[in-house]
């Protein structure tokens, strides 16, 4: 896919998400580090506010056929701009990955 087609794809995808999403629903958007800026731009242009970027520390690596097997994967925690995401449970416990 060309770079321009990828940008159109992201724009169309996030537009569709915003039309179908409940206003208070959180979004978890996984992306490659290489395309972070493109994802962020497309999300923001479609009214999605990025709250934080997090890193998934995978317990194991199972990417069969991948040239590079990453143990860590970035993702955005996001919401519709200005929306309040309800918080259903609080905890003071941090879970450490092994």
PDB file of N, CA and C in Angstrom:
ATOM      1  N   UNK A   1       0.850  -1.166   0.000  1.00  0.00           N
ATOM      2  CA  UNK A   1       0.000   0.000   0.000  1.00  0.00           C
ATOM      3  C   UNK A   1       0.903   1.239   0.000  1.00  0.00           C
ATOM      4  N   UNK A   2       0.580   2.183  -0.825  1.00  0.00           N
ATOM      5  CA  UNK A   2       1.375   3.412  -0.887  1.00  0.00           C
ATOM      6  C   UNK A   2       1.151   4.230   0.378  1.00  0.00           C
ATOM      7  N   UNK A   3       2.069   5.148   0.638  1.00  0.00           N
ATOM      8  CA  UNK A   3       1.940   6.010   1.817  1.00  0.00           C
ATOM      9  C   UNK A   3       0.642   6.813   1.769  1.00  0.00           C
ATOM     10  N   UNK A   4       0.309   7.334   0.607  1.00  0.00           N
ATOM     11  CA  UNK A   4      -0.914   8.135   0.454  1.00  0.00           C
ATOM     12  C   UNK A   4      -2.159   7.279   0.691  1.00  0.00           C
ATOM     13  N   UNK A   5      -2.181   6.072   0.157  1.00  0.00           N
ATOM     14  CA  UNK A   5      -3.325   5.179   0.385  1.00  0.00           C
ATOM     15  C   UNK A   5      -3.446   4.778   1.849  1.00  0.00           C
ATOM     16  N   UNK A   6      -2.306   4.627   2.531  1.00  0.00           N
ATOM     17  CA  UNK A   6      -2.331   4.307   3.951  1.00  0.00           C
ATOM     18  C   UNK A   6      -2.962   5.445   4.746  1.00  0.00           C
ATOM     19  N   UNK A   7      -2.622   6.687   4.409  1.00  0.00           N
ATOM     20  CA  UNK A   7      -3.215   7.835   5.087  1.00  0.00           C
ATOM     21  C   UNK A   7      -4.722   7.899   4.849  1.00  0.00           C
ATOM     22  N   UNK A   8      -5.154   7.643   3.616  1.00  0.00           N
ATOM     23  CA  UNK A   8      -6.597   7.607   3.318  1.00  0.00           C
ATOM     24  C   UNK A   8      -7.283   6.493   4.104  1.00  0.00           C
ATOM     25  N   UNK A   9      -6.629   5.342   4.177  1.00  0.00           N
ATOM     26  CA  UNK A   9      -7.171   4.211   4.929  1.00  0.00           C
ATOM     27  C   UNK A   9      -7.372   4.588   6.393  1.00  0.00           C
ATOM     28  N   UNK A  10      -6.358   5.216   7.005  1.00  0.00           N
ATOM     29  CA  UNK A  10      -6.482   5.620   8.409  1.00  0.00           C
ATOM     30  C   UNK A  10      -7.586   6.647   8.599  1.00  0.00           C
ATOM     31  N   UNK A  11      -7.660   7.629   7.709  1.00  0.00           N
ATOM     32  CA  UNK A  11      -8.719   8.636   7.809  1.00  0.00           C
ATOM     33  C   UNK A  11     -10.102   7.988   7.738  1.00  0.00           C
ATOM     34  N   UNK A  12     -10.285   7.113   6.761  1.00  0.00           N
ATOM     35  CA  UNK A  12     -11.574   6.428   6.604  1.00  0.00           C
ATOM     36  C   UNK A  12     -11.893   5.553   7.802  1.00  0.00           C
ATOM     37  N   UNK A  13     -10.894   4.857   8.317  1.00  0.00           N
ATOM     38  CA  UNK A  13     -11.088   3.965   9.460  1.00  0.00           C
ATOM     39  C   UNK A  13     -11.506   4.738  10.700  1.00  0.00           C
ATOM     40  N   UNK A  14     -10.781   5.796  11.028  1.00  0.00           N
ATOM     41  CA  UNK A  14     -11.113   6.545  12.236  1.00  0.00           C
ATOM     42  C   UNK A  14     -12.408   7.340  12.076  1.00  0.00           C
ATOM     43  N   UNK A  15     -12.732   7.744  10.865  1.00  0.00           N
ATOM     44  CA  UNK A  15     -14.042   8.375  10.643  1.00  0.00           C
ATOM     45  C   UNK A  15     -15.161   7.373  10.929  1.00  0.00           C
ATOM     46  N   UNK A  16     -15.018   6.158  10.440  1.00  0.00           N
ATOM     47  CA  UNK A  16     -16.025   5.120  10.687  1.00  0.00           C
ATOM     48  C   UNK A  16     -16.136   4.805  12.176  1.00  0.00           C
ATOM     49  N   UNK A  17     -15.006   4.750  12.854  1.00  0.00           N
ATOM     50  CA  UNK A  17     -15.016   4.474  14.290  1.00  0.00           C
ATOM     51  C   UNK A  17     -15.772   5.565  15.038  1.00  0.00           C
ATOM     52  N   UNK A  18     -15.509   6.816  14.710  1.00  0.00           N
ATOM     53  CA  UNK A  18     -16.149   7.915  15.437  1.00  0.00           C
ATOM     54  C   UNK A  18     -17.651   7.988  15.189  1.00  0.00           C
ATOM     55  N   UNK A  19     -18.104   7.514  14.049  1.00  0.00           N
ATOM     56  CA  UNK A  19     -19.548   7.540  13.791  1.00  0.00           C
ATOM     57  C   UNK A  19     -20.263   6.390  14.490  1.00  0.00           C
ATOM     58  N   UNK A  20     -19.564   5.304  14.791  1.00  0.00           N
ATOM     59  CA  UNK A  20     -20.187   4.138  15.409  1.00  0.00           C
ATOM     60  C   UNK A  20     -19.952   4.058  16.919  1.00  0.00           C
ATOM     61  N   UNK A  21     -19.002   4.813  17.426  1.00  0.00           N
ATOM     62  CA  UNK A  21     -18.570   4.694  18.813  1.00  0.00           C
ATOM     63  C   UNK A  21     -19.495   5.453  19.764  1.00  0.00           C
ATOM     64  N   UNK A  22     -19.755   4.851  20.921  1.00  0.00           N
ATOM     65  CA  UNK A  22     -20.439   5.581  21.987  1.00  0.00           C
ATOM     66  C   UNK A  22     -19.514   6.712  22.433  1.00  0.00           C
ATOM     67  N   UNK A  23     -20.042   7.884  22.735  1.00  0.00           N
ATOM     68  CA  UNK A  23     -19.186   9.016  23.093  1.00  0.00           C
ATOM     69  C   UNK A  23     -18.292   8.778  24.312  1.00  0.00           C
ATOM     70  N   UNK A  24     -18.716   7.925  25.229  1.00  0.00           N
ATOM     71  CA  UNK A  24     -17.927   7.691  26.450  1.00  0.00           C
ATOM     72  C   UNK A  24     -17.069   6.429  26.381  1.00  0.00           C
ATOM     73  N   UNK A  25     -16.988   5.817  25.219  1.00  0.00           N
ATOM     74  CA  UNK A  25     -16.201   4.581  25.080  1.00  0.00           C
ATOM     75  C   UNK A  25     -14.715   4.902  24.955  1.00  0.00           C
ATOM     76  N   UNK A  26     -13.872   4.162  25.649  1.00  0.00           N
ATOM     77  CA  UNK A  26     -12.434   4.341  25.472  1.00  0.00           C
ATOM     78  C   UNK A  26     -11.958   3.640  24.202  1.00  0.00           C
ATOM     79  N   UNK A  27     -10.841   4.074  23.691  1.00  0.00           N
ATOM     80  CA  UNK A  27     -10.224   3.423  22.535  1.00  0.00           C
ATOM     81  C   UNK A  27      -8.831   2.958  22.922  1.00  0.00           C
ATOM     82  N   UNK A  28      -8.484   1.793  22.474  1.00  0.00           N
ATOM     83  CA  UNK A  28      -7.135   1.253  22.620  1.00  0.00           C
ATOM     84  C   UNK A  28      -6.654   0.979  21.200  1.00  0.00           C
ATOM     85  N   UNK A  29      -5.704   1.774  20.734  1.00  0.00           N
ATOM     86  CA  UNK A  29      -5.276   1.704  19.339  1.00  0.00           C
ATOM     87  C   UNK A  29      -3.814   1.267  19.285  1.00  0.00           C
ATOM     88  N   UNK A  30      -3.604   0.029  18.859  1.00  0.00           N
ATOM     89  CA  UNK A  30      -2.253  -0.507  18.722  1.00  0.00           C
ATOM     90  C   UNK A  30      -1.690  -0.085  17.368  1.00  0.00           C
ATOM     91  N   UNK A  31      -0.409   0.233  17.354  1.00  0.00           N
ATOM     92  CA  UNK A  31       0.222   0.717  16.126  1.00  0.00           C
ATOM     93  C   UNK A  31       1.706   0.380  16.155  1.00  0.00           C
ATOM     94  N   UNK A  32       2.293   0.367  14.999  1.00  0.00           N
ATOM     95  CA  UNK A  32       3.745   0.194  14.910  1.00  0.00           C
ATOM     96  C   UNK A  32       4.412   1.531  15.222  1.00  0.00           C
ATOM     97  N   UNK A  33       5.560   1.482  15.837  1.00  0.00           N
ATOM     98  CA  UNK A  33       6.292   2.722  16.139  1.00  0.00           C
ATOM     99  C   UNK A  33       6.545   3.524  14.866  1.00  0.00           C
ATOM    100  N   UNK A  34       6.788   2.823  13.789  1.00  0.00           N
ATOM    101  CA  UNK A  34       7.097   3.443  12.502  1.00  0.00           C
ATOM    102  C   UNK A  34       5.954   4.324  11.988  1.00  0.00           C
ATOM    103  N   UNK A  35       4.708   3.984  12.340  1.00  0.00           N
ATOM    104  CA  UNK A  35       3.548   4.720  11.834  1.00  0.00           C
ATOM    105  C   UNK A  35       2.819   5.498  12.930  1.00  0.00           C
ATOM    106  N   UNK A  36       3.474   5.735  14.043  1.00  0.00           N
ATOM    107  CA  UNK A  36       2.832   6.429  15.163  1.00  0.00           C
ATOM    108  C   UNK A  36       2.290   7.792  14.761  1.00  0.00           C
ATOM    109  N   UNK A  37       3.080   8.594  14.089  1.00  0.00           N
ATOM    110  CA  UNK A  37       2.654   9.948  13.708  1.00  0.00           C
ATOM    111  C   UNK A  37       1.420   9.915  12.812  1.00  0.00           C
ATOM    112  N   UNK A  38       1.374   8.982  11.857  1.00  0.00           N
ATOM    113  CA  UNK A  38       0.233   8.894  10.954  1.00  0.00           C
ATOM    114  C   UNK A  38      -1.043   8.523  11.729  1.00  0.00           C
ATOM    115  N   UNK A  39      -0.920   7.567  12.654  1.00  0.00           N
ATOM    116  CA  UNK A  39      -2.071   7.187  13.471  1.00  0.00           C
ATOM    117  C   UNK A  39      -2.536   8.369  14.316  1.00  0.00           C
ATOM    118  N   UNK A  40      -1.588   9.042  14.961  1.00  0.00           N
ATOM    119  CA  UNK A  40      -1.936  10.162  15.834  1.00  0.00           C
ATOM    120  C   UNK A  40      -2.630  11.271  15.046  1.00  0.00           C
ATOM    121  N   UNK A  41      -2.102  11.632  13.896  1.00  0.00           N
ATOM    122  CA  UNK A  41      -2.720  12.675  13.072  1.00  0.00           C
ATOM    123  C   UNK A  41      -4.136  12.293  12.656  1.00  0.00           C
ATOM    124  N   UNK A  42      -4.316  11.062  12.180  1.00  0.00           N
ATOM    125  CA  UNK A  42      -5.644  10.625  11.725  1.00  0.00           C
ATOM    126  C   UNK A  42      -6.640  10.605  12.879  1.00  0.00           C
ATOM    127  N   UNK A  43      -6.187  10.184  14.056  1.00  0.00           N
ATOM    128  CA  UNK A  43      -7.073  10.166  15.218  1.00  0.00           C
ATOM    129  C   UNK A  43      -7.490  11.587  15.598  1.00  0.00           C
ATOM    130  N   UNK A  44      -6.528  12.484  15.707  1.00  0.00           N
ATOM    131  CA  UNK A  44      -6.816  13.857  16.112  1.00  0.00           C
ATOM    132  C   UNK A  44      -7.682  14.579  15.087  1.00  0.00           C
ATOM    133  N   UNK A  45      -7.467  14.325  13.803  1.00  0.00           N
ATOM    134  CA  UNK A  45      -8.277  14.954  12.758  1.00  0.00           C
ATOM    135  C   UNK A  45      -9.721  14.465  12.772  1.00  0.00           C
ATOM    136  N   UNK A  46      -9.965  13.327  13.418  1.00  0.00           N
ATOM    137  CA  UNK A  46     -11.315  12.788  13.517  1.00  0.00           C
ATOM    138  C   UNK A  46     -11.912  12.973  14.919  1.00  0.00           C
ATOM    139  N   UNK A  47     -11.355  13.896  15.697  1.00  0.00           N
ATOM    140  CA  UNK A  47     -11.926  14.232  16.989  1.00  0.00           C
ATOM    141  C   UNK A  47     -11.614  13.268  18.107  1.00  0.00           C
ATOM    142  N   UNK A  48     -10.544  12.505  17.950  1.00  0.00           N
ATOM    143  CA  UNK A  48     -10.134  11.555  18.977  1.00  0.00           C
ATOM    144  C   UNK A  48      -8.951  12.156  19.733  1.00  0.00           C
ATOM    145  N   UNK A  49      -9.087  12.199  21.052  1.00  0.00           N
ATOM    146  CA  UNK A  49      -8.057  12.761  21.911  1.00  0.00           C
ATOM    147  C   UNK A  49      -7.231  11.632  22.532  1.00  0.00           C
ATOM    148  N   UNK A  50      -5.936  11.700  22.353  1.00  0.00           N
ATOM    149  CA  UNK A  50      -5.049  10.698  22.941  1.00  0.00           C
ATOM    150  C   UNK A  50      -4.781  11.087  24.389  1.00  0.00           C
ATOM    151  N   UNK A  51      -5.106  10.179  25.294  1.00  0.00           N
ATOM    152  CA  UNK A  51      -4.881  10.421  26.715  1.00  0.00           C
ATOM    153  C   UNK A  51      -3.455  10.040  27.084  1.00  0.00           C
ATOM    154  N   UNK A  52      -3.021   8.903  26.577  1.00  0.00           N
ATOM    155  CA  UNK A  52      -1.689   8.427  26.930  1.00  0.00           C
ATOM    156  C   UNK A  52      -1.219   7.407  25.904  1.00  0.00           C
ATOM    157  N   UNK A  53       0.089   7.301  25.788  1.00  0.00           N
ATOM    158  CA  UNK A  53       0.655   6.198  25.028  1.00  0.00           C
ATOM    159  C   UNK A  53       1.221   5.209  26.035  1.00  0.00           C
ATOM    160  N   UNK A  54       0.846   3.963  25.867  1.00  0.00           N
ATOM    161  CA  UNK A  54       1.277   2.900  26.761  1.00  0.00           C
ATOM    162  C   UNK A  54       2.069   1.874  25.973  1.00  0.00           C
ATOM    163  N   UNK A  55       2.778   1.019  26.691  1.00  0.00           N
ATOM    164  CA  UNK A  55       3.548  -0.042  26.052  1.00  0.00           C
ATOM    165  C   UNK A  55       3.092  -1.376  26.613  1.00  0.00           C
ATOM    166  N   UNK A  56       2.702  -2.269  25.721  1.00  0.00           N
ATOM    167  CA  UNK A  56       2.314  -3.617  26.125  1.00  0.00           C
ATOM    168  C   UNK A  56       3.584  -4.457  26.217  1.00  0.00           C
ATOM    169  N   UNK A  57       3.858  -4.967  27.397  1.00  0.00           N
ATOM    170  CA  UNK A  57       4.985  -5.861  27.617  1.00  0.00           C
ATOM    171  C   UNK A  57       4.446  -7.281  27.474  1.00  0.00           C
ATOM    172  N   UNK A  58       4.622  -7.864  26.315  1.00  0.00           N
ATOM    173  CA  UNK A  58       4.037  -9.171  26.013  1.00  0.00           C
ATOM    174  C   UNK A  58       4.699 -10.273  26.848  1.00  0.00           C
ATOM    175  N   UNK A  59       3.891 -11.207  27.345  1.00  0.00           N
ATOM    176  CA  UNK A  59       4.466 -12.302  28.130  1.00  0.00           C
ATOM    177  C   UNK A  59       5.297 -13.256  27.285  1.00  0.00           C
ATOM    178  N   UNK A  60       4.984 -13.344  26.002  1.00  0.00           N
ATOM    179  CA  UNK A  60       5.773 -14.191  25.102  1.00  0.00           C
ATOM    180  C   UNK A  60       5.685 -13.618  23.698  1.00  0.00           C
ATOM    181  N   UNK A  61       6.558 -14.101  22.840  1.00  0.00           N
ATOM    182  CA  UNK A  61       6.600 -13.617  21.458  1.00  0.00           C
ATOM    183  C   UNK A  61       6.204 -14.758  20.536  1.00  0.00           C
ATOM    184  N   UNK A  62       5.102 -14.583  19.800  1.00  0.00           N
ATOM    185  CA  UNK A  62       4.599 -15.648  18.935  1.00  0.00           C
ATOM    186  C   UNK A  62       4.337 -15.182  17.507  1.00  0.00           C
ATOM    187  N   UNK A  63       5.115 -14.282  16.983  1.00  0.00           N
ATOM    188  CA  UNK A  63       4.877 -13.753  15.646  1.00  0.00           C
ATOM    189  C   UNK A  63       5.546 -14.648  14.604  1.00  0.00           C
ATOM    190  N   UNK A  64       4.861 -15.658  14.228  1.00  0.00           N
ATOM    191  CA  UNK A  64       5.401 -16.604  13.254  1.00  0.00           C
ATOM    192  C   UNK A  64       5.578 -15.898  11.913  1.00  0.00           C
ATOM    193  N   UNK A  65       6.745 -15.998  11.350  1.00  0.00           N
ATOM    194  CA  UNK A  65       7.007 -15.428  10.040  1.00  0.00           C
ATOM    195  C   UNK A  65       7.443 -13.974  10.053  1.00  0.00           C
ATOM    196  N   UNK A  66       7.402 -13.316  11.215  1.00  0.00           N
ATOM    197  CA  UNK A  66       7.825 -11.920  11.276  1.00  0.00           C
ATOM    198  C   UNK A  66       9.353 -11.844  11.278  1.00  0.00           C
ATOM    199  N   UNK A  67       9.873 -10.861  10.586  1.00  0.00           N
ATOM    200  CA  UNK A  67      11.324 -10.696  10.536  1.00  0.00           C
ATOM    201  C   UNK A  67      11.874 -10.226  11.884  1.00  0.00           C
ATOM    202  N   UNK A  68      11.093  -9.431  12.583  1.00  0.00           N
ATOM    203  CA  UNK A  68      11.508  -8.935  13.896  1.00  0.00           C
ATOM    204  C   UNK A  68      10.409  -9.250  14.896  1.00  0.00           C
ATOM    205  N   UNK A  69      10.748  -9.878  15.958  1.00  0.00           N
ATOM    206  CA  UNK A  69       9.764 -10.292  16.955  1.00  0.00           C
ATOM    207  C   UNK A  69       9.889  -9.392  18.182  1.00  0.00           C
ATOM    208  N   UNK A  70       9.024  -8.397  18.243  1.00  0.00           N
ATOM    209  CA  UNK A  70       9.079  -7.413  19.318  1.00  0.00           C
ATOM    210  C   UNK A  70       8.364  -7.906  20.569  1.00  0.00           C
ATOM    211  N   UNK A  71       8.979  -7.733  21.710  1.00  0.00           N
ATOM    212  CA  UNK A  71       8.354  -8.079  22.981  1.00  0.00           C
ATOM    213  C   UNK A  71       7.484  -6.936  23.493  1.00  0.00           C
ATOM    214  N   UNK A  72       7.694  -5.733  22.983  1.00  0.00           N
ATOM    215  CA  UNK A  72       6.951  -4.561  23.426  1.00  0.00           C
ATOM    216  C   UNK A  72       6.205  -3.956  22.242  1.00  0.00           C
ATOM    217  N   UNK A  73       4.957  -3.529  22.495  1.00  0.00           N
ATOM    218  CA  UNK A  73       4.156  -2.935  21.428  1.00  0.00           C
ATOM    219  C   UNK A  73       3.463  -1.687  21.944  1.00  0.00           C
ATOM    220  N   UNK A  74       3.636  -0.550  21.253  1.00  0.00           N
ATOM    221  CA  UNK A  74       2.995   0.686  21.703  1.00  0.00           C
ATOM    222  C   UNK A  74       1.509   0.710  21.337  1.00  0.00           C
ATOM    223  N   UNK A  75       0.745   1.382  22.185  1.00  0.00           N
ATOM    224  CA  UNK A  75      -0.659   1.630  21.855  1.00  0.00           C
ATOM    225  C   UNK A  75      -1.117   2.908  22.528  1.00  0.00           C
ATOM    226  N   UNK A  76      -2.142   3.515  21.923  1.00  0.00           N
ATOM    227  CA  UNK A  76      -2.739   4.726  22.465  1.00  0.00           C
ATOM    228  C   UNK A  76      -3.977   4.368  23.278  1.00  0.00           C
ATOM    229  N   UNK A  77      -4.122   5.018  24.419  1.00  0.00           N
ATOM    230  CA  UNK A  77      -5.369   5.002  25.183  1.00  0.00           C
ATOM    231  C   UNK A  77      -6.005   6.343  24.858  1.00  0.00           C
ATOM    232  N   UNK A  78      -7.220   6.325  24.310  1.00  0.00           N
ATOM    233  CA  UNK A  78      -7.816   7.546  23.779  1.00  0.00           C
ATOM    234  C   UNK A  78      -9.315   7.598  24.042  1.00  0.00           C
ATOM    235  N   UNK A  79      -9.892   8.752  23.730  1.00  0.00           N
ATOM    236  CA  UNK A  79     -11.335   8.976  23.886  1.00  0.00           C
ATOM    237  C   UNK A  79     -11.760  10.028  22.868  1.00  0.00           C
ATOM    238  N   UNK A  80     -13.050  10.174  22.712  1.00  0.00           N
ATOM    239  CA  UNK A  80     -13.562  11.247  21.875  1.00  0.00           C
ATOM    240  C   UNK A  80     -13.224  12.561  22.577  1.00  0.00           C
ATOM    241  N   UNK A  81     -12.832  13.554  21.821  1.00  0.00           N
ATOM    242  CA  UNK A  81     -12.401  14.824  22.397  1.00  0.00           C
ATOM    243  C   UNK A  81     -13.479  15.391  23.322  1.00  0.00           C
ATOM    244  N   UNK A  82     -13.072  15.696  24.546  1.00  0.00           N
ATOM    245  CA  UNK A  82     -13.969  16.292  25.521  1.00  0.00           C
ATOM    246  C   UNK A  82     -14.863  15.328  26.270  1.00  0.00           C
ATOM    247  N   UNK A  83     -14.834  14.060  25.917  1.00  0.00           N
ATOM    248  CA  UNK A  83     -15.700  13.071  26.569  1.00  0.00           C
ATOM    249  C   UNK A  83     -15.099  12.630  27.895  1.00  0.00           C
ATOM    250  N   UNK A  84     -15.982  12.290  28.817  1.00  0.00           N
ATOM    251  CA  UNK A  84     -15.547  11.693  30.081  1.00  0.00           C
ATOM    252  C   UNK A  84     -15.743  10.197  29.984  1.00  0.00           C
ATOM    253  N   UNK A  85     -14.686   9.459  30.246  1.00  0.00           N
ATOM    254  CA  UNK A  85     -14.773   8.003  30.241  1.00  0.00           C
ATOM    255  C   UNK A  85     -15.080   7.559  31.666  1.00  0.00           C
ATOM    256  N   UNK A  86     -16.173   6.834  31.865  1.00  0.00           N
ATOM    257  CA  UNK A  86     -16.485   6.389  33.229  1.00  0.00           C
ATOM    258  C   UNK A  86     -15.438   5.410  33.753  1.00  0.00           C
ATOM    259  N   UNK A  87     -15.139   5.519  35.023  1.00  0.00           N
ATOM    260  CA  UNK A  87     -14.184   4.627  35.678  1.00  0.00           C
ATOM    261  C   UNK A  87     -14.975   3.743  36.612  1.00  0.00           C
ATOM    262  N   UNK A  88     -14.915   2.436  36.410  1.00  0.00           N
ATOM    263  CA  UNK A  88     -15.774   1.504  37.133  1.00  0.00           C
ATOM    264  C   UNK A  88     -15.141   0.907  38.380  1.00  0.00           C
ATOM    265  N   UNK A  89     -13.843   0.968  38.502  1.00  0.00           N
ATOM    266  CA  UNK A  89     -13.198   0.357  39.648  1.00  0.00           C
ATOM    267  C   UNK A  89     -11.880   1.075  39.911  1.00  0.00           C
ATOM    268  N   UNK A  90     -11.600   1.317  41.159  1.00  0.00           N
ATOM    269  CA  UNK A  90     -10.309   1.888  41.506  1.00  0.00           C
ATOM    270  C   UNK A  90      -9.502   0.842  42.246  1.00  0.00           C
ATOM    271  N   UNK A  91      -8.222   0.951  42.119  1.00  0.00           N
ATOM    272  CA  UNK A  91      -7.340   0.012  42.806  1.00  0.00           C
ATOM    273  C   UNK A  91      -6.025   0.714  43.111  1.00  0.00           C
ATOM    274  N   UNK A  92      -5.422   0.323  44.177  1.00  0.00           N
ATOM    275  CA  UNK A  92      -4.114   0.847  44.534  1.00  0.00           C
ATOM    276  C   UNK A  92      -3.017  -0.177  44.274  1.00  0.00           C
ATOM    277  N   UNK A  93      -3.369  -1.237  43.595  1.00  0.00           N
ATOM    278  CA  UNK A  93      -2.433  -2.324  43.344  1.00  0.00           C
ATOM    279  C   UNK A  93      -1.848  -2.217  41.948  1.00  0.00           C
ATOM    280  N   UNK A  94      -0.558  -2.254  41.856  1.00  0.00           N
ATOM    281  CA  UNK A  94       0.119  -2.284  40.561  1.00  0.00           C
ATOM    282  C   UNK A  94       0.501  -3.724  40.269  1.00  0.00           C
ATOM    283  N   UNK A  95       0.261  -4.137  39.059  1.00  0.00           N
ATOM    284  CA  UNK A  95       0.630  -5.499  38.656  1.00  0.00           C
ATOM    285  C   UNK A  95       1.926  -5.424  37.877  1.00  0.00           C
ATOM    286  N   UNK A  96       2.914  -6.106  38.348  1.00  0.00           N
ATOM    287  CA  UNK A  96       4.206  -6.128  37.672  1.00  0.00           C
ATOM    288  C   UNK A  96       4.273  -7.307  36.739  1.00  0.00           C
ATOM    289  N   UNK A  97       4.764  -7.075  35.541  1.00  0.00           N
ATOM    290  CA  UNK A  97       4.960  -8.195  34.629  1.00  0.00           C
ATOM    291  C   UNK A  97       6.190  -8.966  35.058  1.00  0.00           C
ATOM    292  N   UNK A  98       6.160 -10.233  34.832  1.00  0.00           N
ATOM    293  CA  UNK A  98       7.254 -11.105  35.266  1.00  0.00           C
ATOM    294  C   UNK A  98       8.376 -11.124  34.265  1.00  0.00           C
TER     295      UNK A  98
END
